[in-house]
Amino acid sequence: MTSYSKVNGISTFTKVNGISTWSKINGFDGVFNWATIYTYTTNATATTITNWVGSAISTSPNVPAVINGQPVVVTASSTFKGKTTLTNCYINANVAFSSNSMVSAFKDCTKLKTVDLIPNSVTNISEAFIGCENMVNAPVMGTNITNMDQTFFGCSKLVNVATIPNKVTTMYGTFYGCISLVTAPTIGTNVVNMHKTFRSCSKLAGNITVVNANVTNFAECFDATKASLAKNLRCPAGSVSYNLAINVCNGANGVTVVAY
């Protein structure tokens, strides 16, 4: 496949998968950094990336905002999914994902440590990082995310997670199997489904704060966490969330439900 692009004002020409590569950067003829080279198509409105092909050169690709003069759209199902050499990924804040979805975008990227951010245009990050067993820090999450089902499932080294965005409604199994997670993030104002959210988080301890007064599902939320580690599930006093938590969670797996 032959492609032409201008990266940061530098004209580059590359024949990807055809082995031969030509580039001219500041007057130097040499091999261009394939971490910025993708399989893509460009039309009148967008450049759509479908695969990252730079792993032989770098394991830390950048996703630019513009290629060939058109805004970049990434196909989540194929670009990075299953890329076992990927260690870091840097996404421009103006990058879009097809259908505003990052479902399974980095699934089974077993060496992945860092993704810096999730663009604000993204609404669905379900299963986005399943099996990313070397990820320690969750990315900065965009403000329009609504679905976080199984987002970090099996991220066994995950330690740091920021507050859950306020538009998120469902967190089924979000942190299932995150055995290094000690401190829970504050649960956003619209989350209603917390089925298996922290299941098998064996180091989880301290306060878990639920902001929404109307959570409808706490089933198995703390199953297989350690009863010896005290956990305070904080819910709005007198709320649907509080009453449900008392019935489902209180006194099991080291959980005490606390009204605030």
C-alpha atoms as a PDB file:
ATOM      1  CA  MET A   1       0.000   0.000   0.000  1.00  0.00           C
ATOM      2  CA  THR A   2       1.314   3.421  -0.925  1.00  0.00           C
ATOM      3  CA  SER A   3       0.477   6.443   1.188  1.00  0.00           C
ATOM      4  CA  TYR A   4       1.430  10.093   1.302  1.00  0.00           C
ATOM      5  CA  SER A   5       1.157  12.302   4.342  1.00  0.00           C
ATOM      6  CA  LYS A   6       2.382  15.528   5.842  1.00  0.00           C
ATOM      7  CA  VAL A   7       3.284  15.199   9.520  1.00  0.00           C
ATOM      8  CA  ASN A   8       3.943  18.435  11.407  1.00  0.00           C
ATOM      9  CA  GLY A   9       4.556  20.193   8.117  1.00  0.00           C
ATOM     10  CA  ILE A  10       7.070  17.587   6.920  1.00  0.00           C
ATOM     11  CA  SER A  11       6.241  15.846   3.668  1.00  0.00           C
ATOM     12  CA  THR A  12       6.745  12.107   3.837  1.00  0.00           C
ATOM     13  CA  PHE A  13       6.287   9.317   1.323  1.00  0.00           C
ATOM     14  CA  THR A  14       6.189   5.719   2.411  1.00  0.00           C
ATOM     15  CA  LYS A  15       5.308   2.382   0.909  1.00  0.00           C
ATOM     16  CA  VAL A  16       3.971   0.419   3.855  1.00  0.00           C
ATOM     17  CA  ASN A  17       4.216  -3.361   3.694  1.00  0.00           C
ATOM     18  CA  GLY A  18       6.220  -2.890   0.515  1.00  0.00           C
ATOM     19  CA  ILE A  19       9.416  -2.670   2.598  1.00  0.00           C
ATOM     20  CA  SER A  20      10.936   0.275   0.723  1.00  0.00           C
ATOM     21  CA  THR A  21      10.563   3.611   2.489  1.00  0.00           C
ATOM     22  CA  TRP A  22      11.555   7.139   1.517  1.00  0.00           C
ATOM     23  CA  SER A  23      11.348  10.264   3.577  1.00  0.00           C
ATOM     24  CA  LYS A  24      12.925  13.681   3.688  1.00  0.00           C
ATOM     25  CA  ILE A  25      13.029  15.381   7.070  1.00  0.00           C
ATOM     26  CA  ASN A  26      14.834  18.697   7.306  1.00  0.00           C
ATOM     27  CA  GLY A  27      16.916  17.745   4.281  1.00  0.00           C
ATOM     28  CA  PHE A  28      17.799  14.258   5.596  1.00  0.00           C
ATOM     29  CA  ASP A  29      16.929  11.242   3.448  1.00  0.00           C
ATOM     30  CA  GLY A  30      16.259   8.213   5.639  1.00  0.00           C
ATOM     31  CA  VAL A  31      13.720   5.866   7.162  1.00  0.00           C
ATOM     32  CA  PHE A  32      10.712   7.638   8.588  1.00  0.00           C
ATOM     33  CA  ASN A  33       9.447   6.691  12.071  1.00  0.00           C
ATOM     34  CA  TRP A  34       6.731   4.167  11.348  1.00  0.00           C
ATOM     35  CA  ALA A  35       5.077   4.853  14.702  1.00  0.00           C
ATOM     36  CA  THR A  36       3.239   7.647  12.887  1.00  0.00           C
ATOM     37  CA  ILE A  37       2.443   5.556   9.789  1.00  0.00           C
ATOM     38  CA  TYR A  38      -0.854   3.736   9.456  1.00  0.00           C
ATOM     39  CA  THR A  39      -2.936   1.919   6.900  1.00  0.00           C
ATOM     40  CA  TYR A  40      -5.612   4.465   6.066  1.00  0.00           C
ATOM     41  CA  THR A  41      -7.965   5.849   3.452  1.00  0.00           C
ATOM     42  CA  THR A  42      -8.726   9.502   2.803  1.00  0.00           C
ATOM     43  CA  ASN A  43     -11.889  10.963   1.343  1.00  0.00           C
ATOM     44  CA  ALA A  44     -13.313  14.477   1.146  1.00  0.00           C
ATOM     45  CA  THR A  45     -14.153  14.645   4.837  1.00  0.00           C
ATOM     46  CA  ALA A  46     -11.825  12.358   6.818  1.00  0.00           C
ATOM     47  CA  THR A  47      -8.794  10.113   6.948  1.00  0.00           C
ATOM     48  CA  THR A  48      -9.822   6.761   8.418  1.00  0.00           C
ATOM     49  CA  ILE A  49      -7.085   4.718  10.082  1.00  0.00           C
ATOM     50  CA  THR A  50      -7.631   0.974  10.023  1.00  0.00           C
ATOM     51  CA  ASN A  51      -4.286  -0.455  11.132  1.00  0.00           C
ATOM     52  CA  TRP A  52      -1.042   0.530  12.824  1.00  0.00           C
ATOM     53  CA  VAL A  53       1.928  -0.890  10.944  1.00  0.00           C
ATOM     54  CA  GLY A  54       4.839   0.764  12.742  1.00  0.00           C
ATOM     55  CA  SER A  55       5.630  -1.848  15.386  1.00  0.00           C
ATOM     56  CA  ALA A  56       8.975  -2.760  13.835  1.00  0.00           C
ATOM     57  CA  ILE A  57      10.206   0.794  14.427  1.00  0.00           C
ATOM     58  CA  SER A  58       8.489   1.929  17.617  1.00  0.00           C
ATOM     59  CA  THR A  59       6.172   0.493  20.262  1.00  0.00           C
ATOM     60  CA  SER A  60       4.818   3.931  21.225  1.00  0.00           C
ATOM     61  CA  PRO A  61       2.773   5.350  18.333  1.00  0.00           C
ATOM     62  CA  ASN A  62       1.169   8.779  18.118  1.00  0.00           C
ATOM     63  CA  VAL A  63      -2.268   9.257  16.612  1.00  0.00           C
ATOM     64  CA  PRO A  64      -2.244  12.657  14.865  1.00  0.00           C
ATOM     65  CA  ALA A  65      -5.286  14.895  14.526  1.00  0.00           C
ATOM     66  CA  VAL A  66      -4.828  15.344  10.774  1.00  0.00           C
ATOM     67  CA  ILE A  67      -3.440  13.254   7.913  1.00  0.00           C
ATOM     68  CA  ASN A  68      -3.574  14.397   4.292  1.00  0.00           C
ATOM     69  CA  GLY A  69      -5.314  17.572   5.379  1.00  0.00           C
ATOM     70  CA  GLN A  70      -8.309  15.694   6.771  1.00  0.00           C
ATOM     71  CA  PRO A  71      -9.306  14.995  10.389  1.00  0.00           C
ATOM     72  CA  VAL A  72      -8.370  11.522  11.608  1.00  0.00           C
ATOM     73  CA  VAL A  73     -10.947   8.863  12.454  1.00  0.00           C
ATOM     74  CA  VAL A  74      -9.692   5.631  14.050  1.00  0.00           C
ATOM     75  CA  THR A  75     -11.321   2.238  13.548  1.00  0.00           C
ATOM     76  CA  ALA A  76     -11.335   0.768  17.055  1.00  0.00           C
ATOM     77  CA  SER A  77     -11.911  -2.833  16.019  1.00  0.00           C
ATOM     78  CA  SER A  78      -8.694  -3.187  14.022  1.00  0.00           C
ATOM     79  CA  THR A  79      -6.126  -0.416  14.517  1.00  0.00           C
ATOM     80  CA  PHE A  80      -4.537  -1.455  17.822  1.00  0.00           C
ATOM     81  CA  LYS A  81      -6.580  -4.417  19.043  1.00  0.00           C
ATOM     82  CA  GLY A  82      -4.390  -7.403  19.860  1.00  0.00           C
ATOM     83  CA  LYS A  83      -1.115  -5.616  19.097  1.00  0.00           C
ATOM     84  CA  THR A  84       1.100  -7.389  21.622  1.00  0.00           C
ATOM     85  CA  THR A  85       4.162  -5.169  21.004  1.00  0.00           C
ATOM     86  CA  LEU A  86       2.318  -1.947  21.855  1.00  0.00           C
ATOM     87  CA  THR A  87       3.580  -0.318  25.075  1.00  0.00           C
ATOM     88  CA  ASN A  88       2.272   3.265  24.906  1.00  0.00           C
ATOM     89  CA  CYS A  89      -0.162   5.201  22.741  1.00  0.00           C
ATOM     90  CA  TYR A  90      -0.548   8.956  22.495  1.00  0.00           C
ATOM     91  CA  ILE A  91      -3.860  10.156  21.076  1.00  0.00           C
ATOM     92  CA  ASN A  92      -4.443  13.732  19.972  1.00  0.00           C
ATOM     93  CA  ALA A  93      -7.463  15.162  21.780  1.00  0.00           C
ATOM     94  CA  ASN A  94      -9.117  16.004  18.448  1.00  0.00           C
ATOM     95  CA  VAL A  95      -8.961  12.453  17.091  1.00  0.00           C
ATOM     96  CA  ALA A  96     -12.330  10.767  16.527  1.00  0.00           C
ATOM     97  CA  PHE A  97     -13.238   7.086  16.669  1.00  0.00           C
ATOM     98  CA  SER A  98     -15.754   5.481  14.310  1.00  0.00           C
ATOM     99  CA  SER A  99     -19.290   5.757  15.742  1.00  0.00           C
ATOM    100  CA  ASN A 100     -17.733   7.451  18.803  1.00  0.00           C
ATOM    101  CA  SER A 101     -16.839   3.972  20.013  1.00  0.00           C
ATOM    102  CA  MET A 102     -13.647   2.528  21.480  1.00  0.00           C
ATOM    103  CA  VAL A 103     -15.162  -0.898  22.145  1.00  0.00           C
ATOM    104  CA  SER A 104     -12.277  -3.403  22.365  1.00  0.00           C
ATOM    105  CA  ALA A 105      -9.891  -0.755  20.994  1.00  0.00           C
ATOM    106  CA  PHE A 106      -6.858  -2.010  22.962  1.00  0.00           C
ATOM    107  CA  LYS A 107      -8.139  -5.449  23.907  1.00  0.00           C
ATOM    108  CA  ASP A 108      -5.362  -7.970  24.570  1.00  0.00           C
ATOM    109  CA  CYS A 109      -2.551  -5.454  24.122  1.00  0.00           C
ATOM    110  CA  THR A 110      -0.701  -7.362  26.816  1.00  0.00           C
ATOM    111  CA  LYS A 111       2.341  -5.054  27.015  1.00  0.00           C
ATOM    112  CA  LEU A 112       0.388  -1.807  26.991  1.00  0.00           C
ATOM    113  CA  LYS A 113       1.291   0.477  29.890  1.00  0.00           C
ATOM    114  CA  THR A 114      -0.125   3.864  28.928  1.00  0.00           C
ATOM    115  CA  VAL A 115      -2.799   5.481  26.807  1.00  0.00           C
ATOM    116  CA  ASP A 116      -2.698   9.167  27.617  1.00  0.00           C
ATOM    117  CA  LEU A 117      -6.315  10.128  26.985  1.00  0.00           C
ATOM    118  CA  ILE A 118      -9.695   9.203  25.605  1.00  0.00           C
ATOM    119  CA  PRO A 119     -11.073  11.987  23.371  1.00  0.00           C
ATOM    120  CA  ASN A 120     -14.217  13.818  24.489  1.00  0.00           C
ATOM    121  CA  SER A 121     -16.073  12.648  21.373  1.00  0.00           C
ATOM    122  CA  VAL A 122     -15.981   9.004  22.539  1.00  0.00           C
ATOM    123  CA  THR A 123     -19.102   7.670  24.289  1.00  0.00           C
ATOM    124  CA  ASN A 124     -18.459   3.927  24.579  1.00  0.00           C
ATOM    125  CA  ILE A 125     -15.289   2.385  26.072  1.00  0.00           C
ATOM    126  CA  SER A 126     -16.756  -1.029  26.837  1.00  0.00           C
ATOM    127  CA  GLU A 127     -14.020  -3.721  26.886  1.00  0.00           C
ATOM    128  CA  ALA A 128     -11.521  -1.125  25.652  1.00  0.00           C
ATOM    129  CA  PHE A 129      -8.616  -2.407  27.771  1.00  0.00           C
ATOM    130  CA  ILE A 130      -9.565  -6.009  28.515  1.00  0.00           C
ATOM    131  CA  GLY A 131      -6.450  -8.077  29.118  1.00  0.00           C
ATOM    132  CA  CYS A 132      -4.062  -5.108  29.269  1.00  0.00           C
ATOM    133  CA  GLU A 133      -2.249  -6.767  32.135  1.00  0.00           C
ATOM    134  CA  ASN A 134       0.611  -4.234  32.289  1.00  0.00           C
ATOM    135  CA  MET A 135      -1.497  -1.066  32.446  1.00  0.00           C
ATOM    136  CA  VAL A 136      -0.869   0.792  35.717  1.00  0.00           C
ATOM    137  CA  ASN A 137      -2.573   4.146  35.137  1.00  0.00           C
ATOM    138  CA  ALA A 138      -5.970   4.530  33.525  1.00  0.00           C
ATOM    139  CA  PRO A 139      -6.114   7.166  30.789  1.00  0.00           C
ATOM    140  CA  VAL A 140      -7.691  10.571  31.256  1.00  0.00           C
ATOM    141  CA  MET A 141     -11.286   9.832  30.308  1.00  0.00           C
ATOM    142  CA  GLY A 142     -13.414  12.034  28.083  1.00  0.00           C
ATOM    143  CA  THR A 143     -16.472  13.789  29.462  1.00  0.00           C
ATOM    144  CA  ASN A 144     -19.050  12.138  27.176  1.00  0.00           C
ATOM    145  CA  ILE A 145     -18.478   8.490  28.035  1.00  0.00           C
ATOM    146  CA  THR A 146     -21.678   6.630  28.939  1.00  0.00           C
ATOM    147  CA  ASN A 147     -20.650   2.956  28.814  1.00  0.00           C
ATOM    148  CA  MET A 148     -17.775   1.497  30.847  1.00  0.00           C
ATOM    149  CA  ASP A 149     -18.792  -2.174  30.882  1.00  0.00           C
ATOM    150  CA  GLN A 150     -15.709  -4.379  31.433  1.00  0.00           C
ATOM    151  CA  THR A 151     -13.436  -1.505  30.428  1.00  0.00           C
ATOM    152  CA  PHE A 152     -10.477  -2.603  32.594  1.00  0.00           C
ATOM    153  CA  PHE A 153     -11.381  -6.274  32.986  1.00  0.00           C
ATOM    154  CA  GLY A 154      -8.263  -8.247  33.878  1.00  0.00           C
ATOM    155  CA  CYS A 155      -5.944  -5.225  34.135  1.00  0.00           C
ATOM    156  CA  SER A 156      -4.073  -6.897  36.956  1.00  0.00           C
ATOM    157  CA  LYS A 157      -1.537  -4.085  37.530  1.00  0.00           C
ATOM    158  CA  LEU A 158      -4.002  -1.195  37.387  1.00  0.00           C
ATOM    159  CA  VAL A 159      -3.551   1.121  40.387  1.00  0.00           C
ATOM    160  CA  ASN A 160      -4.656   4.651  39.481  1.00  0.00           C
ATOM    161  CA  VAL A 161      -8.066   5.642  38.143  1.00  0.00           C
ATOM    162  CA  ALA A 162      -9.558   9.138  38.101  1.00  0.00           C
ATOM    163  CA  THR A 163     -13.166   9.977  38.977  1.00  0.00           C
ATOM    164  CA  ILE A 164     -15.665   8.230  36.726  1.00  0.00           C
ATOM    165  CA  PRO A 165     -17.134  10.706  34.185  1.00  0.00           C
ATOM    166  CA  ASN A 166     -20.593  11.958  35.114  1.00  0.00           C
ATOM    167  CA  LYS A 167     -22.366  10.717  31.978  1.00  0.00           C
ATOM    168  CA  VAL A 168     -21.447   7.074  32.598  1.00  0.00           C
ATOM    169  CA  THR A 169     -24.531   4.946  33.328  1.00  0.00           C
ATOM    170  CA  THR A 170     -23.256   1.376  33.292  1.00  0.00           C
ATOM    171  CA  MET A 171     -20.184  -0.137  34.940  1.00  0.00           C
ATOM    172  CA  TYR A 172     -20.781  -3.860  34.613  1.00  0.00           C
ATOM    173  CA  GLY A 173     -17.516  -5.610  35.527  1.00  0.00           C
ATOM    174  CA  THR A 174     -15.512  -2.430  34.939  1.00  0.00           C
ATOM    175  CA  PHE A 175     -12.672  -3.388  37.296  1.00  0.00           C
ATOM    176  CA  TYR A 176     -13.268  -7.138  37.452  1.00  0.00           C
ATOM    177  CA  GLY A 177      -9.947  -8.814  38.246  1.00  0.00           C
ATOM    178  CA  CYS A 178      -7.985  -5.608  38.891  1.00  0.00           C
ATOM    179  CA  ILE A 179      -6.086  -7.281  41.705  1.00  0.00           C
ATOM    180  CA  SER A 180      -3.704  -4.341  42.318  1.00  0.00           C
ATOM    181  CA  LEU A 181      -6.444  -1.723  42.687  1.00  0.00           C
ATOM    182  CA  VAL A 182      -6.508  -0.417  46.264  1.00  0.00           C
ATOM    183  CA  THR A 183      -8.389   2.868  46.014  1.00  0.00           C
ATOM    184  CA  ALA A 184     -11.675   3.070  44.137  1.00  0.00           C
ATOM    185  CA  PRO A 185     -12.510   6.110  42.026  1.00  0.00           C
ATOM    186  CA  THR A 186     -15.583   8.160  42.893  1.00  0.00           C
ATOM    187  CA  ILE A 187     -18.536   6.691  41.011  1.00  0.00           C
ATOM    188  CA  GLY A 188     -20.163   9.268  38.714  1.00  0.00           C
ATOM    189  CA  THR A 189     -23.541  10.921  39.158  1.00  0.00           C
ATOM    190  CA  ASN A 190     -25.471   8.837  36.596  1.00  0.00           C
ATOM    191  CA  VAL A 191     -24.172   5.310  37.184  1.00  0.00           C
ATOM    192  CA  VAL A 192     -27.056   2.879  37.769  1.00  0.00           C
ATOM    193  CA  ASN A 193     -25.463  -0.495  37.013  1.00  0.00           C
ATOM    194  CA  MET A 194     -22.664  -1.662  39.324  1.00  0.00           C
ATOM    195  CA  HIS A 195     -23.021  -5.384  38.697  1.00  0.00           C
ATOM    196  CA  LYS A 196     -19.613  -7.019  39.363  1.00  0.00           C
ATOM    197  CA  THR A 197     -17.908  -3.605  39.191  1.00  0.00           C
ATOM    198  CA  PHE A 198     -15.153  -4.494  41.692  1.00  0.00           C
ATOM    199  CA  ARG A 199     -15.385  -8.279  41.635  1.00  0.00           C
ATOM    200  CA  SER A 200     -12.050  -9.975  42.426  1.00  0.00           C
ATOM    201  CA  CYS A 201     -10.336  -6.684  43.302  1.00  0.00           C
ATOM    202  CA  SER A 202      -8.514  -8.466  46.096  1.00  0.00           C
ATOM    203  CA  LYS A 203      -6.643  -5.409  47.448  1.00  0.00           C
ATOM    204  CA  LEU A 204      -9.569  -2.994  47.392  1.00  0.00           C
ATOM    205  CA  ALA A 205      -9.986  -1.101  50.669  1.00  0.00           C
ATOM    206  CA  GLY A 206     -11.213   2.195  52.112  1.00  0.00           C
ATOM    207  CA  ASN A 207     -14.051   4.380  50.838  1.00  0.00           C
ATOM    208  CA  ILE A 208     -16.084   3.686  47.717  1.00  0.00           C
ATOM    209  CA  THR A 209     -18.291   6.722  47.112  1.00  0.00           C
ATOM    210  CA  VAL A 210     -21.471   6.438  45.044  1.00  0.00           C
ATOM    211  CA  VAL A 211     -22.928   9.799  44.030  1.00  0.00           C
ATOM    212  CA  ASN A 212     -26.085   8.663  42.251  1.00  0.00           C
ATOM    213  CA  ALA A 213     -29.064   8.133  44.548  1.00  0.00           C
ATOM    214  CA  ASN A 214     -30.681   5.680  42.138  1.00  0.00           C
ATOM    215  CA  VAL A 215     -28.301   2.770  41.560  1.00  0.00           C
ATOM    216  CA  THR A 216     -30.377  -0.268  40.571  1.00  0.00           C
ATOM    217  CA  ASN A 217     -27.813  -3.081  40.552  1.00  0.00           C
ATOM    218  CA  PHE A 218     -25.114  -3.906  43.124  1.00  0.00           C
ATOM    219  CA  ALA A 219     -25.150  -7.664  42.459  1.00  0.00           C
ATOM    220  CA  GLU A 220     -21.733  -9.295  43.040  1.00  0.00           C
ATOM    221  CA  CYS A 221     -20.185  -5.823  43.119  1.00  0.00           C
ATOM    222  CA  PHE A 222     -17.615  -6.847  45.757  1.00  0.00           C
ATOM    223  CA  ASP A 223     -17.587 -10.628  45.402  1.00  0.00           C
ATOM    224  CA  ALA A 224     -14.138 -12.201  45.787  1.00  0.00           C
ATOM    225  CA  THR A 225     -12.703  -9.114  47.451  1.00  0.00           C
ATOM    226  CA  LYS A 226     -11.020  -9.712  50.812  1.00  0.00           C
ATOM    227  CA  ALA A 227     -13.281  -9.625  53.852  1.00  0.00           C
ATOM    228  CA  SER A 228     -10.235  -8.746  55.958  1.00  0.00           C
ATOM    229  CA  LEU A 229      -9.869  -5.414  54.155  1.00  0.00           C
ATOM    230  CA  ALA A 230     -12.479  -2.925  55.392  1.00  0.00           C
ATOM    231  CA  LYS A 231     -14.467  -1.164  52.704  1.00  0.00           C
ATOM    232  CA  ASN A 232     -16.988   1.645  53.289  1.00  0.00           C
ATOM    233  CA  LEU A 233     -19.606   1.860  50.564  1.00  0.00           C
ATOM    234  CA  ARG A 234     -20.815   5.464  50.876  1.00  0.00           C
ATOM    235  CA  CYS A 235     -24.283   6.183  49.467  1.00  0.00           C
ATOM    236  CA  PRO A 236     -26.631   9.188  49.728  1.00  0.00           C
ATOM    237  CA  ALA A 237     -28.694   8.881  52.913  1.00  0.00           C
ATOM    238  CA  GLY A 238     -32.191   7.460  52.475  1.00  0.00           C
ATOM    239  CA  SER A 239     -31.700   6.924  48.768  1.00  0.00           C
ATOM    240  CA  VAL A 240     -32.562   3.981  46.519  1.00  0.00           C
ATOM    241  CA  SER A 241     -28.825   3.343  46.271  1.00  0.00           C
ATOM    242  CA  TYR A 242     -28.429   3.227  50.061  1.00  0.00           C
ATOM    243  CA  ASN A 243     -31.380   0.898  50.636  1.00  0.00           C
ATOM    244  CA  LEU A 244     -30.280  -1.465  47.892  1.00  0.00           C
ATOM    245  CA  ALA A 245     -26.698  -1.493  49.128  1.00  0.00           C
ATOM    246  CA  ILE A 246     -27.860  -2.357  52.656  1.00  0.00           C
ATOM    247  CA  ASN A 247     -29.738  -5.362  51.283  1.00  0.00           C
ATOM    248  CA  VAL A 248     -27.093  -6.559  48.821  1.00  0.00           C
ATOM    249  CA  CYS A 249     -23.659  -5.500  50.075  1.00  0.00           C
ATOM    250  CA  ASN A 250     -23.675  -4.690  53.768  1.00  0.00           C
ATOM    251  CA  GLY A 251     -21.718  -7.097  55.966  1.00  0.00           C
ATOM    252  CA  ALA A 252     -20.306  -9.187  53.111  1.00  0.00           C
ATOM    253  CA  ASN A 253     -16.749  -9.145  51.742  1.00  0.00           C
ATOM    254  CA  GLY A 254     -15.664  -6.577  54.330  1.00  0.00           C
ATOM    255  CA  VAL A 255     -18.225  -4.000  53.131  1.00  0.00           C
ATOM    256  CA  THR A 256     -20.018  -1.612  55.459  1.00  0.00           C
ATOM    257  CA  VAL A 257     -22.652   0.613  53.873  1.00  0.00           C
ATOM    258  CA  VAL A 258     -22.438   4.184  55.144  1.00  0.00           C
ATOM    259  CA  ALA A 259     -24.932   6.993  54.595  1.00  0.00           C
ATOM    260  CA  TYR A 260     -23.663  10.491  53.854  1.00  0.00           C
END
